Amino acid sequence: MALAYPRFGLKRVFLEDNAGTVVFAMLPKLRMLLVVADKESPLDADVLESVLDGILPSKNKERPEPYAQLIDDLFAFDLRTVADVRALLSRHKAAVLFKDAECVARESKKSKPLGTSKERLERGVYYSHVGLLRTALGLEFADKWRDYNRETSQKRKKTQ
């Protein structure tokens, strides 16, 4: 899959072979960054973005998304590799997309939707990629996630 960002002179390429290797290339004019990650590769923001782009619907993607914060969330629950993220989403993808559709239906009825914009609701999406993965974390870890999320949300508000 290739995504072009002509405004910035960038092209991103995401490839995957049968062994689960993700190749991420960013080509700004003549420079190139190449990240190769197999299933057991540790996560970083670029690798996580490419994995989510390959699994989740593109219409949900926000620009930009806080991938570095999401890495912190994943590490807090000992999810550290591409395989860990894929396994989490394989268990919960259908449920998080269903929840996304429920939120769209609920918030579309309101004059002032909470947590998203009218434009996103008109596109039929509520959660971003980060939001979808955090919803999967909530399904997987239930009360532990709720407690962690409450605590980290308060800390993030204090530092802003």
N, C-alpha and C. Protein backbone atom coordinates (compact mmCIF):
# COMPACT_ATOMS: atom_id res chain seq x y z
N MET A 1 0.86 -1.16 0.00
CA MET A 1 0.00 0.00 0.00
C MET A 1 0.90 1.23 0.00
N ALA A 2 0.55 2.24 -0.75
CA ALA A 2 1.33 3.47 -0.78
C ALA A 2 0.39 4.65 -0.57
N LEU A 3 0.80 5.56 0.26
CA LEU A 3 0.02 6.77 0.52
C LEU A 3 0.88 7.96 0.15
N ALA A 4 0.33 8.86 -0.62
CA ALA A 4 1.09 10.04 -1.01
C ALA A 4 0.62 11.26 -0.24
N TYR A 5 1.55 12.09 0.13
CA TYR A 5 1.27 13.35 0.79
C TYR A 5 1.95 14.44 -0.02
N PRO A 6 1.39 14.79 -1.19
CA PRO A 6 2.10 15.72 -2.09
C PRO A 6 2.35 17.09 -1.48
N ARG A 7 1.48 17.52 -0.58
CA ARG A 7 1.66 18.83 0.05
C ARG A 7 3.01 18.92 0.76
N PHE A 8 3.45 17.81 1.31
CA PHE A 8 4.71 17.80 2.04
C PHE A 8 5.84 17.13 1.25
N GLY A 9 5.56 16.69 0.03
CA GLY A 9 6.56 16.01 -0.76
C GLY A 9 6.93 14.65 -0.19
N LEU A 10 5.97 14.01 0.49
CA LEU A 10 6.23 12.73 1.15
C LEU A 10 5.46 11.61 0.50
N LYS A 11 6.03 10.45 0.58
CA LYS A 11 5.33 9.25 0.16
C LYS A 11 5.63 8.19 1.20
N ARG A 12 4.60 7.57 1.72
CA ARG A 12 4.77 6.49 2.68
C ARG A 12 4.41 5.19 2.00
N VAL A 13 5.21 4.19 2.26
CA VAL A 13 4.98 2.88 1.67
C VAL A 13 4.92 1.87 2.81
N PHE A 14 3.88 1.07 2.83
CA PHE A 14 3.72 0.03 3.85
C PHE A 14 3.62 -1.30 3.13
N LEU A 15 4.50 -2.19 3.44
CA LEU A 15 4.51 -3.51 2.82
C LEU A 15 4.53 -4.56 3.92
N GLU A 16 4.02 -5.73 3.61
CA GLU A 16 4.07 -6.80 4.59
C GLU A 16 4.29 -8.11 3.85
N ASP A 17 5.20 -8.94 4.35
CA ASP A 17 5.39 -10.25 3.76
C ASP A 17 4.72 -11.29 4.64
N ASN A 18 4.78 -12.55 4.25
CA ASN A 18 4.10 -13.61 4.99
C ASN A 18 4.66 -13.82 6.39
N ALA A 19 5.87 -13.39 6.63
CA ALA A 19 6.47 -13.52 7.96
C ALA A 19 6.03 -12.40 8.89
N GLY A 20 5.23 -11.48 8.37
CA GLY A 20 4.72 -10.40 9.20
C GLY A 20 5.65 -9.20 9.26
N THR A 21 6.58 -9.10 8.34
CA THR A 21 7.50 -7.97 8.34
C THR A 21 6.80 -6.74 7.79
N VAL A 22 6.90 -5.66 8.52
CA VAL A 22 6.32 -4.39 8.09
C VAL A 22 7.48 -3.51 7.64
N VAL A 23 7.38 -2.99 6.45
CA VAL A 23 8.39 -2.07 5.94
C VAL A 23 7.72 -0.71 5.81
N PHE A 24 8.30 0.26 6.43
CA PHE A 24 7.77 1.62 6.41
C PHE A 24 8.84 2.50 5.79
N ALA A 25 8.52 3.17 4.73
CA ALA A 25 9.48 4.07 4.09
C ALA A 25 8.86 5.43 3.93
N MET A 26 9.63 6.43 4.23
CA MET A 26 9.18 7.81 4.07
C MET A 26 10.18 8.47 3.14
N LEU A 27 9.71 9.01 2.05
CA LEU A 27 10.60 9.51 1.03
C LEU A 27 10.42 11.02 0.83
N PRO A 28 10.98 11.85 1.70
CA PRO A 28 10.89 13.30 1.46
C PRO A 28 11.97 13.72 0.49
N LYS A 29 11.58 13.99 -0.73
CA LYS A 29 12.47 14.36 -1.83
C LYS A 29 13.56 13.31 -2.01
N LEU A 30 14.82 13.58 -1.64
CA LEU A 30 15.89 12.61 -1.90
C LEU A 30 16.31 11.82 -0.68
N ARG A 31 15.75 12.12 0.49
CA ARG A 31 16.12 11.39 1.70
C ARG A 31 15.12 10.28 1.95
N MET A 32 15.56 9.23 2.64
CA MET A 32 14.66 8.12 2.89
C MET A 32 14.91 7.57 4.28
N LEU A 33 13.82 7.28 4.96
CA LEU A 33 13.86 6.62 6.25
C LEU A 33 13.20 5.27 6.07
N LEU A 34 13.85 4.23 6.49
CA LEU A 34 13.29 2.90 6.33
C LEU A 34 13.25 2.22 7.69
N VAL A 35 12.09 1.76 8.04
CA VAL A 35 11.92 1.03 9.29
C VAL A 35 11.42 -0.35 8.93
N VAL A 36 12.14 -1.36 9.38
CA VAL A 36 11.72 -2.74 9.16
C VAL A 36 11.39 -3.34 10.50
N ALA A 37 10.19 -3.89 10.62
CA ALA A 37 9.75 -4.43 11.90
C ALA A 37 9.13 -5.79 11.68
N ASP A 38 9.68 -6.81 12.32
CA ASP A 38 9.01 -8.10 12.27
C ASP A 38 8.04 -8.19 13.44
N LYS A 39 7.38 -9.32 13.56
CA LYS A 39 6.34 -9.47 14.57
C LYS A 39 6.83 -9.21 15.98
N GLU A 40 8.09 -9.48 16.25
CA GLU A 40 8.63 -9.30 17.59
C GLU A 40 9.39 -8.00 17.77
N SER A 41 9.34 -7.15 16.77
CA SER A 41 10.02 -5.85 16.88
C SER A 41 9.35 -4.99 17.93
N PRO A 42 10.15 -4.25 18.70
CA PRO A 42 9.56 -3.32 19.67
C PRO A 42 8.84 -2.20 18.93
N LEU A 43 7.82 -1.69 19.56
CA LEU A 43 7.02 -0.63 18.96
C LEU A 43 7.69 0.73 19.11
N ASP A 44 7.54 1.54 18.10
CA ASP A 44 7.79 2.97 18.19
C ASP A 44 6.66 3.65 17.44
N ALA A 45 6.61 4.95 17.45
CA ALA A 45 5.47 5.67 16.87
C ALA A 45 5.29 5.38 15.38
N ASP A 46 6.39 5.34 14.61
CA ASP A 46 6.28 5.09 13.17
C ASP A 46 5.78 3.68 12.87
N VAL A 47 6.33 2.71 13.57
CA VAL A 47 5.91 1.33 13.36
C VAL A 47 4.45 1.14 13.77
N LEU A 48 4.08 1.71 14.93
CA LEU A 48 2.69 1.59 15.39
C LEU A 48 1.73 2.22 14.39
N GLU A 49 2.07 3.39 13.88
CA GLU A 49 1.22 4.04 12.88
C GLU A 49 1.04 3.14 11.67
N SER A 50 2.12 2.55 11.18
CA SER A 50 2.02 1.71 9.98
C SER A 50 1.19 0.45 10.25
N VAL A 51 1.33 -0.12 11.43
CA VAL A 51 0.55 -1.32 11.78
C VAL A 51 -0.94 -0.96 11.84
N LEU A 52 -1.27 0.14 12.51
CA LEU A 52 -2.68 0.54 12.61
C LEU A 52 -3.25 0.91 11.25
N ASP A 53 -2.44 1.56 10.41
CA ASP A 53 -2.90 1.89 9.05
C ASP A 53 -3.25 0.64 8.26
N GLY A 54 -2.55 -0.45 8.52
CA GLY A 54 -2.80 -1.69 7.81
C GLY A 54 -3.98 -2.49 8.34
N ILE A 55 -4.41 -2.22 9.57
CA ILE A 55 -5.46 -3.01 10.20
C ILE A 55 -6.79 -2.25 10.31
N LEU A 56 -6.72 -0.98 10.62
CA LEU A 56 -7.93 -0.20 10.91
C LEU A 56 -8.39 0.59 9.68
N PRO A 57 -9.68 0.93 9.62
CA PRO A 57 -10.19 1.68 8.47
C PRO A 57 -9.51 3.05 8.33
N SER A 58 -9.13 3.38 7.12
CA SER A 58 -8.44 4.65 6.88
C SER A 58 -9.33 5.85 7.19
N LYS A 59 -10.64 5.70 7.05
CA LYS A 59 -11.53 6.84 7.32
C LYS A 59 -11.49 7.27 8.78
N ASN A 60 -11.06 6.40 9.69
CA ASN A 60 -10.98 6.74 11.11
C ASN A 60 -9.72 7.53 11.46
N LYS A 61 -8.74 7.51 10.60
CA LYS A 61 -7.45 8.13 10.93
C LYS A 61 -7.56 9.64 11.04
N GLU A 62 -6.99 10.17 12.11
CA GLU A 62 -6.86 11.62 12.33
C GLU A 62 -5.45 12.01 11.95
N ARG A 63 -5.28 13.26 11.64
CA ARG A 63 -3.93 13.77 11.39
C ARG A 63 -3.76 15.05 12.16
N PRO A 64 -2.82 15.11 13.08
CA PRO A 64 -1.97 14.03 13.58
C PRO A 64 -2.66 13.25 14.69
N GLU A 65 -2.06 12.12 15.04
CA GLU A 65 -2.55 11.31 16.16
C GLU A 65 -1.42 11.17 17.18
N PRO A 66 -1.75 11.07 18.46
CA PRO A 66 -0.73 11.00 19.52
C PRO A 66 -0.17 9.58 19.71
N TYR A 67 0.59 9.11 18.71
CA TYR A 67 1.12 7.75 18.78
C TYR A 67 2.10 7.57 19.93
N ALA A 68 2.88 8.59 20.26
CA ALA A 68 3.85 8.46 21.36
C ALA A 68 3.12 8.22 22.68
N GLN A 69 2.02 8.92 22.92
CA GLN A 69 1.22 8.68 24.13
C GLN A 69 0.64 7.27 24.12
N LEU A 70 0.21 6.82 22.96
CA LEU A 70 -0.36 5.49 22.84
C LEU A 70 0.70 4.42 23.13
N ILE A 71 1.92 4.66 22.72
CA ILE A 71 3.02 3.73 23.04
C ILE A 71 3.15 3.60 24.55
N ASP A 72 3.10 4.73 25.26
CA ASP A 72 3.15 4.68 26.72
C ASP A 72 2.02 3.83 27.29
N ASP A 73 0.81 4.00 26.75
CA ASP A 73 -0.33 3.21 27.20
C ASP A 73 -0.11 1.72 26.97
N LEU A 74 0.36 1.38 25.79
CA LEU A 74 0.60 -0.03 25.47
C LEU A 74 1.66 -0.63 26.38
N PHE A 75 2.76 0.10 26.58
CA PHE A 75 3.84 -0.40 27.43
C PHE A 75 3.37 -0.59 28.87
N ALA A 76 2.47 0.26 29.33
CA ALA A 76 1.95 0.14 30.70
C ALA A 76 1.21 -1.19 30.90
N PHE A 77 0.72 -1.77 29.80
CA PHE A 77 0.03 -3.06 29.88
C PHE A 77 0.85 -4.18 29.25
N ASP A 78 2.17 -3.94 29.17
CA ASP A 78 3.13 -4.92 28.68
C ASP A 78 2.85 -5.38 27.25
N LEU A 79 2.34 -4.48 26.44
CA LEU A 79 2.16 -4.73 25.01
C LEU A 79 3.28 -3.97 24.32
N ARG A 80 4.30 -4.69 23.86
CA ARG A 80 5.53 -4.03 23.41
C ARG A 80 5.94 -4.33 21.98
N THR A 81 5.23 -5.24 21.33
CA THR A 81 5.66 -5.64 19.98
C THR A 81 4.51 -5.51 18.98
N VAL A 82 4.88 -5.57 17.70
CA VAL A 82 3.89 -5.59 16.62
C VAL A 82 2.91 -6.75 16.84
N ALA A 83 3.42 -7.90 17.21
CA ALA A 83 2.57 -9.07 17.43
C ALA A 83 1.56 -8.83 18.54
N ASP A 84 1.98 -8.14 19.60
CA ASP A 84 1.06 -7.85 20.71
C ASP A 84 -0.11 -6.98 20.24
N VAL A 85 0.17 -5.96 19.44
CA VAL A 85 -0.88 -5.07 18.95
C VAL A 85 -1.81 -5.81 17.99
N ARG A 86 -1.22 -6.60 17.10
CA ARG A 86 -2.04 -7.37 16.17
C ARG A 86 -2.96 -8.35 16.91
N ALA A 87 -2.43 -9.00 17.92
CA ALA A 87 -3.23 -9.96 18.68
C ALA A 87 -4.38 -9.26 19.40
N LEU A 88 -4.09 -8.11 20.01
CA LEU A 88 -5.13 -7.34 20.70
C LEU A 88 -6.24 -6.96 19.73
N LEU A 89 -5.86 -6.45 18.56
CA LEU A 89 -6.87 -6.03 17.59
C LEU A 89 -7.60 -7.21 16.96
N SER A 90 -6.92 -8.33 16.82
CA SER A 90 -7.62 -9.49 16.26
C SER A 90 -8.73 -9.96 17.20
N ARG A 91 -8.52 -9.78 18.50
CA ARG A 91 -9.54 -10.17 19.48
C ARG A 91 -10.67 -9.16 19.57
N HIS A 92 -10.39 -7.87 19.34
CA HIS A 92 -11.37 -6.84 19.65
C HIS A 92 -11.76 -5.92 18.49
N LYS A 93 -11.22 -6.13 17.30
CA LYS A 93 -11.50 -5.21 16.19
C LYS A 93 -12.99 -5.10 15.90
N ALA A 94 -13.69 -6.20 15.79
CA ALA A 94 -15.12 -6.15 15.46
C ALA A 94 -15.88 -5.37 16.53
N ALA A 95 -15.56 -5.61 17.79
CA ALA A 95 -16.26 -4.93 18.88
C ALA A 95 -15.98 -3.43 18.90
N VAL A 96 -14.72 -3.02 18.63
CA VAL A 96 -14.42 -1.59 18.67
C VAL A 96 -15.05 -0.86 17.48
N LEU A 97 -15.12 -1.52 16.33
CA LEU A 97 -15.77 -0.90 15.18
C LEU A 97 -17.29 -0.80 15.40
N PHE A 98 -17.86 -1.79 16.08
CA PHE A 98 -19.27 -1.73 16.43
C PHE A 98 -19.53 -0.58 17.40
N LYS A 99 -18.65 -0.44 18.39
CA LYS A 99 -18.78 0.66 19.35
C LYS A 99 -18.62 2.01 18.65
N ASP A 100 -17.72 2.09 17.69
CA ASP A 100 -17.54 3.31 16.90
C ASP A 100 -18.86 3.66 16.20
N ALA A 101 -19.50 2.69 15.58
CA ALA A 101 -20.77 2.93 14.89
C ALA A 101 -21.86 3.35 15.87
N GLU A 102 -21.87 2.75 17.06
CA GLU A 102 -22.85 3.15 18.09
C GLU A 102 -22.64 4.62 18.49
N CYS A 103 -21.40 5.01 18.68
CA CYS A 103 -21.09 6.39 19.05
C CYS A 103 -21.50 7.36 17.95
N VAL A 104 -21.28 6.98 16.70
CA VAL A 104 -21.70 7.82 15.58
C VAL A 104 -23.21 8.02 15.62
N ALA A 105 -23.94 6.93 15.80
CA ALA A 105 -25.41 7.01 15.84
C ALA A 105 -25.88 7.89 16.99
N ARG A 106 -25.28 7.71 18.16
CA ARG A 106 -25.69 8.48 19.35
C ARG A 106 -25.35 9.96 19.20
N GLU A 107 -24.11 10.26 18.81
CA GLU A 107 -23.65 11.65 18.76
C GLU A 107 -24.22 12.42 17.56
N SER A 108 -24.60 11.73 16.51
CA SER A 108 -25.17 12.39 15.34
C SER A 108 -26.51 13.04 15.65
N LYS A 109 -27.18 12.55 16.66
CA LYS A 109 -28.49 13.09 17.04
C LYS A 109 -28.36 14.39 17.83
N LYS A 110 -27.17 14.67 18.33
CA LYS A 110 -26.97 15.84 19.19
C LYS A 110 -26.59 17.07 18.37
N SER A 111 -26.99 18.24 18.84
CA SER A 111 -26.60 19.48 18.16
C SER A 111 -25.12 19.78 18.41
N LYS A 112 -24.61 19.39 19.58
CA LYS A 112 -23.19 19.57 19.90
C LYS A 112 -22.61 18.22 20.32
N PRO A 113 -22.05 17.48 19.35
CA PRO A 113 -21.51 16.16 19.69
C PRO A 113 -20.32 16.26 20.64
N LEU A 114 -20.18 15.26 21.50
CA LEU A 114 -19.06 15.19 22.44
C LEU A 114 -17.97 14.29 21.89
N GLY A 115 -16.72 14.73 22.00
CA GLY A 115 -15.58 13.88 21.68
C GLY A 115 -15.20 13.78 20.23
N THR A 116 -15.90 14.47 19.36
CA THR A 116 -15.56 14.43 17.94
C THR A 116 -16.20 15.62 17.25
N SER A 117 -16.00 15.72 15.94
CA SER A 117 -16.57 16.84 15.18
C SER A 117 -17.75 16.37 14.34
N LYS A 118 -18.56 17.32 13.94
CA LYS A 118 -19.68 17.02 13.03
C LYS A 118 -19.16 16.42 11.72
N GLU A 119 -18.02 16.93 11.24
CA GLU A 119 -17.46 16.45 9.98
C GLU A 119 -17.11 14.96 10.06
N ARG A 120 -16.50 14.55 11.18
CA ARG A 120 -16.17 13.13 11.34
C ARG A 120 -17.44 12.29 11.43
N LEU A 121 -18.43 12.78 12.13
CA LEU A 121 -19.69 12.05 12.23
C LEU A 121 -20.35 11.90 10.86
N GLU A 122 -20.27 12.95 10.05
CA GLU A 122 -20.82 12.88 8.69
C GLU A 122 -20.08 11.86 7.84
N ARG A 123 -18.79 11.64 8.14
CA ARG A 123 -18.02 10.60 7.44
C ARG A 123 -18.31 9.21 8.01
N GLY A 124 -19.07 9.18 9.11
CA GLY A 124 -19.44 7.89 9.70
C GLY A 124 -18.41 7.36 10.67
N VAL A 125 -17.60 8.25 11.26
CA VAL A 125 -16.59 7.80 12.23
C VAL A 125 -16.65 8.64 13.49
N TYR A 126 -16.32 8.01 14.59
CA TYR A 126 -16.22 8.69 15.88
C TYR A 126 -14.78 8.62 16.37
N TYR A 127 -14.28 7.41 16.55
CA TYR A 127 -12.93 7.22 17.09
C TYR A 127 -11.86 7.34 16.01
N SER A 128 -10.70 7.87 16.41
CA SER A 128 -9.51 7.87 15.56
C SER A 128 -8.84 6.50 15.71
N HIS A 129 -7.73 6.29 15.00
CA HIS A 129 -6.99 5.04 15.17
C HIS A 129 -6.55 4.86 16.61
N VAL A 130 -6.04 5.94 17.22
CA VAL A 130 -5.62 5.87 18.62
C VAL A 130 -6.82 5.55 19.50
N GLY A 131 -7.95 6.19 19.24
CA GLY A 131 -9.16 5.93 20.01
C GLY A 131 -9.65 4.50 19.88
N LEU A 132 -9.57 3.95 18.68
CA LEU A 132 -9.99 2.55 18.47
C LEU A 132 -9.09 1.60 19.25
N LEU A 133 -7.78 1.85 19.23
CA LEU A 133 -6.87 0.95 19.96
C LEU A 133 -7.06 1.11 21.47
N ARG A 134 -7.28 2.33 21.93
CA ARG A 134 -7.55 2.52 23.36
C ARG A 134 -8.86 1.86 23.77
N THR A 135 -9.83 1.84 22.89
CA THR A 135 -11.08 1.13 23.17
C THR A 135 -10.82 -0.37 23.29
N ALA A 136 -9.95 -0.89 22.43
CA ALA A 136 -9.57 -2.31 22.53
C ALA A 136 -8.86 -2.58 23.85
N LEU A 137 -8.02 -1.65 24.29
CA LEU A 137 -7.37 -1.80 25.60
C LEU A 137 -8.41 -1.85 26.71
N GLY A 138 -9.44 -1.02 26.61
CA GLY A 138 -10.51 -1.03 27.59
C GLY A 138 -11.26 -2.35 27.62
N LEU A 139 -11.48 -2.93 26.46
CA LEU A 139 -12.16 -4.23 26.41
C LEU A 139 -11.28 -5.34 26.99
N GLU A 140 -10.01 -5.26 26.71
CA GLU A 140 -9.07 -6.30 27.16
C GLU A 140 -8.81 -6.22 28.66
N PHE A 141 -8.62 -5.01 29.18
CA PHE A 141 -8.15 -4.86 30.55
C PHE A 141 -9.18 -4.26 31.51
N ALA A 142 -10.35 -3.94 31.03
CA ALA A 142 -11.51 -3.49 31.81
C ALA A 142 -11.15 -2.50 32.92
N ASP A 143 -11.31 -2.91 34.18
CA ASP A 143 -11.11 -2.01 35.32
C ASP A 143 -9.68 -1.49 35.42
N LYS A 144 -8.70 -2.34 35.11
CA LYS A 144 -7.30 -1.88 35.14
C LYS A 144 -7.09 -0.74 34.15
N TRP A 145 -7.68 -0.86 32.96
CA TRP A 145 -7.57 0.20 31.96
C TRP A 145 -8.28 1.46 32.43
N ARG A 146 -9.47 1.31 32.97
CA ARG A 146 -10.25 2.46 33.43
C ARG A 146 -9.47 3.24 34.49
N ASP A 147 -8.87 2.53 35.46
CA ASP A 147 -8.09 3.18 36.51
C ASP A 147 -6.85 3.87 35.92
N TYR A 148 -6.15 3.15 35.05
CA TYR A 148 -4.95 3.71 34.42
C TYR A 148 -5.32 4.94 33.59
N ASN A 149 -6.37 4.85 32.81
CA ASN A 149 -6.79 5.94 31.93
C ASN A 149 -7.18 7.18 32.74
N ARG A 150 -7.89 6.99 33.83
CA ARG A 150 -8.27 8.11 34.69
C ARG A 150 -7.03 8.79 35.25
N GLU A 151 -6.10 8.00 35.74
CA GLU A 151 -4.87 8.54 36.33
C GLU A 151 -4.02 9.27 35.30
N THR A 152 -3.80 8.67 34.13
CA THR A 152 -2.95 9.31 33.12
C THR A 152 -3.63 10.53 32.51
N SER A 153 -4.95 10.51 32.39
CA SER A 153 -5.67 11.68 31.87
C SER A 153 -5.47 12.88 32.78
N GLN A 154 -5.52 12.64 34.08
CA GLN A 154 -5.31 13.73 35.03
C GLN A 154 -3.89 14.26 34.94
N LYS A 155 -2.91 13.37 34.81
CA LYS A 155 -1.53 13.80 34.69
C LYS A 155 -1.30 14.60 33.42
N ARG A 156 -1.90 14.15 32.29
CA ARG A 156 -1.72 14.84 31.02
C ARG A 156 -2.35 16.22 31.06
N LYS A 157 -3.48 16.37 31.75
CA LYS A 157 -4.13 17.67 31.87
C LYS A 157 -3.26 18.64 32.66
N LYS A 158 -2.57 18.14 33.69
CA LYS A 158 -1.71 18.99 34.51
C LYS A 158 -0.51 19.50 33.74
N THR A 159 0.00 18.70 32.78
CA THR A 159 1.20 19.08 32.04
C THR A 159 0.88 19.93 30.82
N GLN A 160 -0.38 20.09 30.48
CA GLN A 160 -0.74 20.89 29.30
C GLN A 160 -0.83 22.35 29.62
